[in-house]
C-alpha atoms as a PDB file:
ATOM      1  CA  MET A   1      12.327  -6.151 -29.972  1.00  0.00           C
ATOM      2  CA  PHE A   2      10.825  -4.584 -26.878  1.00  0.00           C
ATOM      3  CA  SER A   3      10.787  -1.114 -28.441  1.00  0.00           C
ATOM      4  CA  GLU A   4       8.571  -2.420 -31.229  1.00  0.00           C
ATOM      5  CA  ARG A   5       5.928  -3.289 -28.612  1.00  0.00           C
ATOM      6  CA  ILE A   6       5.886   0.014 -26.755  1.00  0.00           C
ATOM      7  CA  GLY A   7       7.303   2.392 -29.360  1.00  0.00           C
ATOM      8  CA  ALA A   8      10.558   4.223 -29.904  1.00  0.00           C
ATOM      9  CA  LEU A   9      11.587   7.468 -28.255  1.00  0.00           C
ATOM     10  CA  ASP A  10      10.708  10.597 -30.237  1.00  0.00           C
ATOM     11  CA  GLN A  11      13.867  12.252 -31.478  1.00  0.00           C
ATOM     12  CA  GLY A  12      11.973  15.526 -31.917  1.00  0.00           C
ATOM     13  CA  ASP A  13      10.646  15.529 -28.382  1.00  0.00           C
ATOM     14  CA  HIS A  14      12.525  17.920 -26.107  1.00  0.00           C
ATOM     15  CA  ALA A  15      11.345  16.222 -22.907  1.00  0.00           C
ATOM     16  CA  PRO A  16      14.059  14.467 -20.854  1.00  0.00           C
ATOM     17  CA  LEU A  17      14.784  10.969 -22.115  1.00  0.00           C
ATOM     18  CA  TYR A  18      13.711   9.330 -18.859  1.00  0.00           C
ATOM     19  CA  LYS A  19      10.350  11.125 -19.134  1.00  0.00           C
ATOM     20  CA  GLN A  20       9.932   9.851 -22.693  1.00  0.00           C
ATOM     21  CA  LEU A  21      10.661   6.283 -21.643  1.00  0.00           C
ATOM     22  CA  GLN A  22       8.281   6.624 -18.702  1.00  0.00           C
ATOM     23  CA  LYS A  23       5.510   7.854 -21.010  1.00  0.00           C
ATOM     24  CA  ALA A  24       6.070   5.014 -23.480  1.00  0.00           C
ATOM     25  CA  LEU A  25       5.906   2.425 -20.693  1.00  0.00           C
ATOM     26  CA  ARG A  26       2.958   4.089 -18.974  1.00  0.00           C
ATOM     27  CA  ASP A  27       0.978   4.275 -22.212  1.00  0.00           C
ATOM     28  CA  ALA A  28       1.768   0.618 -22.970  1.00  0.00           C
ATOM     29  CA  ILE A  29       0.569  -0.437 -19.508  1.00  0.00           C
ATOM     30  CA  ASN A  30      -2.623   1.634 -19.724  1.00  0.00           C
ATOM     31  CA  ALA A  31      -3.328   0.291 -23.224  1.00  0.00           C
ATOM     32  CA  LYS A  32      -2.789  -3.315 -21.985  1.00  0.00           C
ATOM     33  CA  VAL A  33       0.106  -3.775 -24.395  1.00  0.00           C
ATOM     34  CA  LEU A  34       2.026  -4.729 -21.269  1.00  0.00           C
ATOM     35  CA  ALA A  35      -0.094  -6.939 -19.035  1.00  0.00           C
ATOM     36  CA  PRO A  36       0.056  -7.386 -15.248  1.00  0.00           C
ATOM     37  CA  ASP A  37       3.056  -9.497 -14.210  1.00  0.00           C
ATOM     38  CA  ASP A  38       4.782  -9.032 -17.600  1.00  0.00           C
ATOM     39  CA  ALA A  39       8.553  -8.896 -17.104  1.00  0.00           C
ATOM     40  CA  LEU A  40      10.522  -5.942 -18.448  1.00  0.00           C
ATOM     41  CA  PRO A  41      13.922  -6.450 -20.053  1.00  0.00           C
ATOM     42  CA  ALA A  42      16.947  -5.922 -17.833  1.00  0.00           C
ATOM     43  CA  GLU A  43      18.031  -2.314 -17.396  1.00  0.00           C
ATOM     44  CA  ARG A  44      21.210  -2.872 -19.404  1.00  0.00           C
ATOM     45  CA  ASP A  45      19.158  -4.331 -22.271  1.00  0.00           C
ATOM     46  CA  LEU A  46      16.751  -1.395 -22.251  1.00  0.00           C
ATOM     47  CA  ALA A  47      19.678   1.017 -22.223  1.00  0.00           C
ATOM     48  CA  ALA A  48      21.293  -0.735 -25.194  1.00  0.00           C
ATOM     49  CA  GLU A  49      18.054  -0.947 -27.190  1.00  0.00           C
ATOM     50  CA  TYR A  50      17.112   2.705 -26.661  1.00  0.00           C
ATOM     51  CA  LYS A  51      20.709   3.949 -26.831  1.00  0.00           C
ATOM     52  CA  ILE A  52      20.454   5.729 -23.506  1.00  0.00           C
ATOM     53  CA  SER A  53      22.350   5.347 -20.245  1.00  0.00           C
ATOM     54  CA  ARG A  54      21.449   2.842 -17.553  1.00  0.00           C
ATOM     55  CA  ILE A  55      21.094   5.794 -15.160  1.00  0.00           C
ATOM     56  CA  THR A  56      18.371   7.197 -17.433  1.00  0.00           C
ATOM     57  CA  VAL A  57      16.622   3.824 -17.552  1.00  0.00           C
ATOM     58  CA  ARG A  58      16.836   3.441 -13.784  1.00  0.00           C
ATOM     59  CA  LYS A  59      15.374   6.927 -13.245  1.00  0.00           C
ATOM     60  CA  ALA A  60      12.476   6.136 -15.577  1.00  0.00           C
ATOM     61  CA  LEU A  61      11.714   2.833 -13.872  1.00  0.00           C
ATOM     62  CA  ASP A  62      12.072   4.305 -10.382  1.00  0.00           C
ATOM     63  CA  GLY A  63       9.347   6.817 -11.203  1.00  0.00           C
ATOM     64  CA  LEU A  64       6.958   4.122 -12.422  1.00  0.00           C
ATOM     65  CA  VAL A  65       7.689   1.967  -9.366  1.00  0.00           C
ATOM     66  CA  GLY A  66       6.770   4.979  -7.241  1.00  0.00           C
ATOM     67  CA  GLU A  67       3.526   5.339  -9.196  1.00  0.00           C
ATOM     68  CA  GLY A  68       2.702   1.713  -8.482  1.00  0.00           C
ATOM     69  CA  LEU A  69       2.761   0.758 -12.177  1.00  0.00           C
ATOM     70  CA  LEU A  70       5.919  -1.347 -11.909  1.00  0.00           C
ATOM     71  CA  THR A  71       7.250  -3.538  -9.143  1.00  0.00           C
ATOM     72  CA  ARG A  72      10.730  -4.905  -8.454  1.00  0.00           C
ATOM     73  CA  ARG A  73      11.190  -8.467  -7.221  1.00  0.00           C
ATOM     74  CA  GLN A  74      14.419  -9.367  -5.507  1.00  0.00           C
ATOM     75  CA  GLY A  75      16.595 -11.439  -7.814  1.00  0.00           C
ATOM     76  CA  ALA A  76      13.898 -11.614 -10.515  1.00  0.00           C
ATOM     77  CA  GLY A  77      13.751  -8.174 -12.117  1.00  0.00           C
ATOM     78  CA  THR A  78      11.117  -5.541 -12.858  1.00  0.00           C
ATOM     79  CA  PHE A  79       7.501  -6.430 -13.627  1.00  0.00           C
ATOM     80  CA  VAL A  80       4.256  -4.702 -14.494  1.00  0.00           C
ATOM     81  CA  ALA A  81       2.409  -4.436 -11.204  1.00  0.00           C
ATOM     82  CA  ALA A  82      -0.799  -6.376 -10.794  1.00  0.00           C
ATOM     83  CA  ARG A  83      -3.658  -4.782  -8.882  1.00  0.00           C
ATOM     84  CA  VAL A  84      -4.003  -6.224  -5.403  1.00  0.00           C
ATOM     85  CA  GLU A  85      -7.264  -8.074  -4.849  1.00  0.00           C
ATOM     86  CA  LYS A  86      -8.151  -7.849  -1.165  1.00  0.00           C
ATOM     87  CA  ASN A  87     -10.790 -10.182   0.205  1.00  0.00           C
ATOM     88  CA  PHE A  88     -12.990  -7.835   2.205  1.00  0.00           C
ATOM     89  CA  SER A  89     -14.535 -10.693   4.161  1.00  0.00           C
ATOM     90  CA  LYS A  90     -11.206 -12.044   5.475  1.00  0.00           C
ATOM     91  CA  LEU A  91      -9.525 -10.445   8.491  1.00  0.00           C
ATOM     92  CA  SER A  92      -5.829 -10.376   7.619  1.00  0.00           C
ATOM     93  CA  SER A  93      -2.996  -7.906   7.962  1.00  0.00           C
ATOM     94  CA  PHE A  94      -1.384  -5.938   5.166  1.00  0.00           C
ATOM     95  CA  THR A  95       1.838  -7.899   5.707  1.00  0.00           C
ATOM     96  CA  GLU A  96       0.017 -11.226   5.383  1.00  0.00           C
ATOM     97  CA  ASP A  97      -1.814 -10.046   2.258  1.00  0.00           C
ATOM     98  CA  MET A  98       1.370  -8.989   0.472  1.00  0.00           C
ATOM     99  CA  ILE A  99       3.384 -12.082   1.421  1.00  0.00           C
ATOM    100  CA  SER A 100       0.547 -14.344   0.227  1.00  0.00           C
ATOM    101  CA  ARG A 101       0.806 -12.648  -3.169  1.00  0.00           C
ATOM    102  CA  GLY A 102       4.561 -13.096  -3.393  1.00  0.00           C
ATOM    103  CA  ARG A 103       5.260  -9.419  -2.749  1.00  0.00           C
ATOM    104  CA  THR A 104       7.691  -7.959  -0.223  1.00  0.00           C
ATOM    105  CA  PRO A 105       6.042  -5.621   2.318  1.00  0.00           C
ATOM    106  CA  HIS A 106       7.671  -3.046   4.512  1.00  0.00           C
ATOM    107  CA  SER A 107       6.638   0.062   6.431  1.00  0.00           C
ATOM    108  CA  ALA A 108       8.008   3.559   6.849  1.00  0.00           C
ATOM    109  CA  TRP A 109       7.036   4.618  10.342  1.00  0.00           C
ATOM    110  CA  LEU A 110       5.786   8.162  10.793  1.00  0.00           C
ATOM    111  CA  THR A 111       4.959   7.951  14.502  1.00  0.00           C
ATOM    112  CA  LYS A 112       4.747   5.484  17.372  1.00  0.00           C
ATOM    113  CA  SER A 113       3.385   7.194  20.459  1.00  0.00           C
ATOM    114  CA  ARG A 114       1.465   6.757  23.695  1.00  0.00           C
ATOM    115  CA  GLY A 115      -1.208   9.017  25.128  1.00  0.00           C
ATOM    116  CA  ALA A 116      -4.672   9.191  26.639  1.00  0.00           C
ATOM    117  CA  VAL A 117      -7.745   8.128  24.710  1.00  0.00           C
ATOM    118  CA  THR A 118      -9.642  10.928  22.965  1.00  0.00           C
ATOM    119  CA  PRO A 119     -13.429  11.278  23.381  1.00  0.00           C
ATOM    120  CA  GLU A 120     -13.965   9.883  19.853  1.00  0.00           C
ATOM    121  CA  GLU A 121     -11.610   6.939  20.471  1.00  0.00           C
ATOM    122  CA  SER A 122     -13.265   6.350  23.835  1.00  0.00           C
ATOM    123  CA  MET A 123     -16.641   5.892  22.138  1.00  0.00           C
ATOM    124  CA  THR A 124     -15.269   3.597  19.425  1.00  0.00           C
ATOM    125  CA  LEU A 125     -13.086   1.447  21.690  1.00  0.00           C
ATOM    126  CA  GLY A 126     -15.392   1.447  24.711  1.00  0.00           C
ATOM    127  CA  LEU A 127     -12.686   2.872  26.985  1.00  0.00           C
ATOM    128  CA  SER A 128     -13.033   5.149  30.002  1.00  0.00           C
ATOM    129  CA  PRO A 129     -11.728   8.737  29.727  1.00  0.00           C
ATOM    130  CA  GLY A 130      -8.005   8.935  30.460  1.00  0.00           C
ATOM    131  CA  THR A 131      -7.310   5.301  29.518  1.00  0.00           C
ATOM    132  CA  PRO A 132      -3.802   4.892  27.980  1.00  0.00           C
ATOM    133  CA  VAL A 133      -3.613   4.076  24.278  1.00  0.00           C
ATOM    134  CA  TYR A 134      -0.878   3.631  21.688  1.00  0.00           C
ATOM    135  CA  ARG A 135      -1.049   5.357  18.307  1.00  0.00           C
ATOM    136  CA  PHE A 136       0.723   4.291  15.149  1.00  0.00           C
ATOM    137  CA  SER A 137       0.996   5.943  11.750  1.00  0.00           C
ATOM    138  CA  ARG A 138       2.964   4.592   8.808  1.00  0.00           C
ATOM    139  CA  ILE A 139       3.267   4.310   5.058  1.00  0.00           C
ATOM    140  CA  ARG A 140       2.833   0.755   3.734  1.00  0.00           C
ATOM    141  CA  TYR A 141       4.888  -0.483   0.775  1.00  0.00           C
ATOM    142  CA  ALA A 142       4.922  -3.566  -1.424  1.00  0.00           C
ATOM    143  CA  ASP A 143       8.014  -4.249  -3.557  1.00  0.00           C
ATOM    144  CA  GLY A 144       9.096  -0.650  -2.965  1.00  0.00           C
ATOM    145  CA  ALA A 145       5.841   0.943  -4.171  1.00  0.00           C
ATOM    146  CA  VAL A 146       3.596   2.956  -1.853  1.00  0.00           C
ATOM    147  CA  MET A 147       0.324   1.104  -1.308  1.00  0.00           C
ATOM    148  CA  ALA A 148      -1.370   2.699   1.704  1.00  0.00           C
ATOM    149  CA  LEU A 149      -1.240   5.233   4.518  1.00  0.00           C
ATOM    150  CA  GLU A 150      -2.360   3.818   7.852  1.00  0.00           C
ATOM    151  CA  PHE A 151      -3.362   5.282  11.243  1.00  0.00           C
ATOM    152  CA  SER A 152      -4.096   2.930  14.172  1.00  0.00           C
ATOM    153  CA  THR A 153      -5.043   3.318  17.827  1.00  0.00           C
ATOM    154  CA  ILE A 154      -4.636   0.380  20.245  1.00  0.00           C
ATOM    155  CA  PRO A 155      -5.666   0.239  23.942  1.00  0.00           C
ATOM    156  CA  GLY A 156      -2.702   0.236  26.296  1.00  0.00           C
ATOM    157  CA  PHE A 157      -3.559  -3.160  27.783  1.00  0.00           C
ATOM    158  CA  CYS A 158      -2.825  -4.837  24.423  1.00  0.00           C
ATOM    159  CA  LEU A 159       0.913  -4.121  24.317  1.00  0.00           C
ATOM    160  CA  ALA A 160       3.711  -3.447  26.782  1.00  0.00           C
ATOM    161  CA  SER A 161       5.199  -0.720  24.586  1.00  0.00           C
ATOM    162  CA  PRO A 162       4.586   0.840  21.160  1.00  0.00           C
ATOM    163  CA  ASP A 163       8.089  -0.339  20.244  1.00  0.00           C
ATOM    164  CA  ASP A 164       6.814  -3.929  20.387  1.00  0.00           C
ATOM    165  CA  VAL A 165       5.297  -3.383  16.934  1.00  0.00           C
ATOM    166  CA  GLY A 166       7.631  -4.177  14.049  1.00  0.00           C
ATOM    167  CA  ASP A 167       6.466  -4.801  10.490  1.00  0.00           C
ATOM    168  CA  SER A 168       3.088  -6.220  11.502  1.00  0.00           C
ATOM    169  CA  LEU A 169       0.740  -4.811  14.128  1.00  0.00           C
ATOM    170  CA  TYR A 170      -1.334  -7.997  14.110  1.00  0.00           C
ATOM    171  CA  ALA A 171       1.768 -10.125  14.718  1.00  0.00           C
ATOM    172  CA  ALA A 172       2.550  -8.021  17.797  1.00  0.00           C
ATOM    173  CA  LEU A 173      -1.037  -8.289  19.034  1.00  0.00           C
ATOM    174  CA  GLU A 174      -1.023 -12.040  18.463  1.00  0.00           C
ATOM    175  CA  LYS A 175       2.020 -12.425  20.726  1.00  0.00           C
ATOM    176  CA  THR A 176       0.103 -10.830  23.617  1.00  0.00           C
ATOM    177  CA  GLY A 177      -3.134 -12.706  22.888  1.00  0.00           C
ATOM    178  CA  HIS A 178      -4.943  -9.600  21.649  1.00  0.00           C
ATOM    179  CA  ARG A 179      -5.194 -10.167  17.907  1.00  0.00           C
ATOM    180  CA  PRO A 180      -8.740  -9.297  16.728  1.00  0.00           C
ATOM    181  CA  ALA A 181     -11.012 -12.268  16.109  1.00  0.00           C
ATOM    182  CA  ARG A 182     -13.402 -10.232  13.984  1.00  0.00           C
ATOM    183  CA  ALA A 183     -13.760  -6.693  12.715  1.00  0.00           C
ATOM    184  CA  LEU A 184     -16.308  -4.186  11.508  1.00  0.00           C
ATOM    185  CA  GLN A 185     -15.114  -2.428   8.346  1.00  0.00           C
ATOM    186  CA  ARG A 186     -16.438   0.479   6.352  1.00  0.00           C
ATOM    187  CA  LEU A 187     -15.180   1.204   2.821  1.00  0.00           C
ATOM    188  CA  ARG A 188     -15.663   4.457   0.953  1.00  0.00           C
ATOM    189  CA  ALA A 189     -14.066   6.327  -1.908  1.00  0.00           C
ATOM    190  CA  VAL A 190     -12.312   9.584  -1.016  1.00  0.00           C
ATOM    191  CA  LEU A 191     -10.060  12.163  -2.627  1.00  0.00           C
ATOM    192  CA  LEU A 192      -6.690  12.555  -0.953  1.00  0.00           C
ATOM    193  CA  GLY A 193      -5.991  15.783   0.846  1.00  0.00           C
ATOM    194  CA  ALA A 194      -2.723  17.632   0.269  1.00  0.00           C
ATOM    195  CA  GLU A 195      -0.988  16.271   3.396  1.00  0.00           C
ATOM    196  CA  HIS A 196      -1.914  12.626   2.812  1.00  0.00           C
ATOM    197  CA  ALA A 197      -1.101  12.871  -0.900  1.00  0.00           C
ATOM    198  CA  GLU A 198       2.364  14.271  -0.141  1.00  0.00           C
ATOM    199  CA  LEU A 199       3.100  11.430   2.294  1.00  0.00           C
ATOM    200  CA  MET A 200       2.101   8.871  -0.347  1.00  0.00           C
ATOM    201  CA  GLY A 201       3.930  10.597  -3.205  1.00  0.00           C
ATOM    202  CA  LEU A 202       0.632  11.171  -5.023  1.00  0.00           C
ATOM    203  CA  ARG A 203      -1.235  14.236  -6.215  1.00  0.00           C
ATOM    204  CA  PRO A 204      -3.843  16.074  -4.144  1.00  0.00           C
ATOM    205  CA  THR A 205      -7.344  14.930  -5.122  1.00  0.00           C
ATOM    206  CA  ASP A 206      -6.033  11.575  -6.425  1.00  0.00           C
ATOM    207  CA  PRO A 207      -8.651   8.892  -5.682  1.00  0.00           C
ATOM    208  CA  ALA A 208      -8.181   6.598  -2.716  1.00  0.00           C
ATOM    209  CA  LEU A 209     -10.142   3.965  -0.838  1.00  0.00           C
ATOM    210  CA  LEU A 210     -10.594   4.650   2.871  1.00  0.00           C
ATOM    211  CA  ILE A 211     -11.040   1.588   5.078  1.00  0.00           C
ATOM    212  CA  GLU A 212     -12.195   2.282   8.634  1.00  0.00           C
ATOM    213  CA  ARG A 213     -11.825  -0.836  10.784  1.00  0.00           C
ATOM    214  CA  ARG A 214     -12.687  -1.654  14.383  1.00  0.00           C
ATOM    215  CA  GLY A 215     -11.012  -4.888  15.521  1.00  0.00           C
ATOM    216  CA  ILE A 216     -12.768  -6.910  18.222  1.00  0.00           C
ATOM    217  CA  LEU A 217     -11.633  -9.762  20.478  1.00  0.00           C
ATOM    218  CA  ALA A 218     -13.619 -12.965  20.890  1.00  0.00           C
ATOM    219  CA  ASP A 219     -14.866 -11.652  24.266  1.00  0.00           C
ATOM    220  CA  GLY A 220     -16.322  -8.540  22.605  1.00  0.00           C
ATOM    221  CA  ARG A 221     -13.683  -5.981  23.603  1.00  0.00           C
ATOM    222  CA  ALA A 222     -12.541  -3.580  20.899  1.00  0.00           C
ATOM    223  CA  VAL A 223      -8.755  -3.601  20.530  1.00  0.00           C
ATOM    224  CA  GLU A 224      -8.099  -1.679  17.327  1.00  0.00           C
ATOM    225  CA  VAL A 225      -9.289   1.366  15.440  1.00  0.00           C
ATOM    226  CA  THR A 226      -7.561   1.808  12.091  1.00  0.00           C
ATOM    227  CA  GLN A 227      -7.996   4.175   9.174  1.00  0.00           C
ATOM    228  CA  SER A 228      -6.194   3.066   6.013  1.00  0.00           C
ATOM    229  CA  TYR A 229      -5.994   5.100   2.814  1.00  0.00           C
ATOM    230  CA  TYR A 230      -5.344   2.714  -0.079  1.00  0.00           C
ATOM    231  CA  ARG A 231      -4.293   3.801  -3.557  1.00  0.00           C
ATOM    232  CA  GLY A 232      -7.355   3.811  -5.762  1.00  0.00           C
ATOM    233  CA  ASP A 233      -5.302   2.644  -8.753  1.00  0.00           C
ATOM    234  CA  ALA A 234      -3.777  -0.378  -7.029  1.00  0.00           C
ATOM    235  CA  TYR A 235      -6.513  -2.130  -5.071  1.00  0.00           C
ATOM    236  CA  ASP A 236      -9.672  -4.097  -5.763  1.00  0.00           C
ATOM    237  CA  PHE A 237     -11.780  -5.136  -2.790  1.00  0.00           C
ATOM    238  CA  VAL A 238     -13.924  -8.237  -3.153  1.00  0.00           C
ATOM    239  CA  ALA A 239     -16.334 -10.078  -0.879  1.00  0.00           C
ATOM    240  CA  GLU A 240     -18.209 -13.324  -1.263  1.00  0.00           C
ATOM    241  CA  LEU A 241     -21.975 -12.904  -0.919  1.00  0.00           C
ATOM    242  CA  ASN A 242     -24.379 -15.728  -0.112  1.00  0.00           C
ATOM    243  CA  ALA A 243     -28.127 -15.727  -0.609  1.00  0.00           C
ATOM    244  CA  LEU A 244     -30.234 -15.978   2.519  1.00  0.00           C
ATOM    245  CA  SER A 245     -31.602 -19.503   3.045  1.00  0.00           C
END
């Protein structure tokens, strides 16, 4: 039985039942009793086995999905989430990365706006003062779990309107012939501030990986400045290194 793998609920524990089930599942995942991509029993089966309501089971699983420990796959069920391995040497969008891994991406938009380039943006993008730019900020999800918080600035000549951007910024840029051909990226570990942590449903000072990217066209023009805060517990960044000949 599944409960024999992760343990029974403690009858003497006064914590809410959903919290107890969450702890049992979380401990099993952290202890590798449940491995990445392991399937969980159906909610009705968990409810029957633990003699609790399906609402209680759903609340427990929802919390772990929000933590990024579990993931739901349409028509397949609930699985232990696997860490995302991002190839740091390949220029691809978040949407492309998630789809290639069989996960369902979506975004919760915070802002889409237009304005004039700031002095800092002007230096990074090589734009004259007063040049129009579009700014985008959004929360990125995969299978319903928060994965990243993203802030992008794009020169105005790249798009007709900020509303042209749907799920994928790179798809919108590709349609206008302004998708970056290469990028300069900087990766560093950071602790989330209170505002960013709240947006991502995490705790202040939780670890994150900050990717700062400047996207560049084949002709050398910069067309993107993006800051992305990735969950430190969900991502591994890899790059292939070759010895100098």
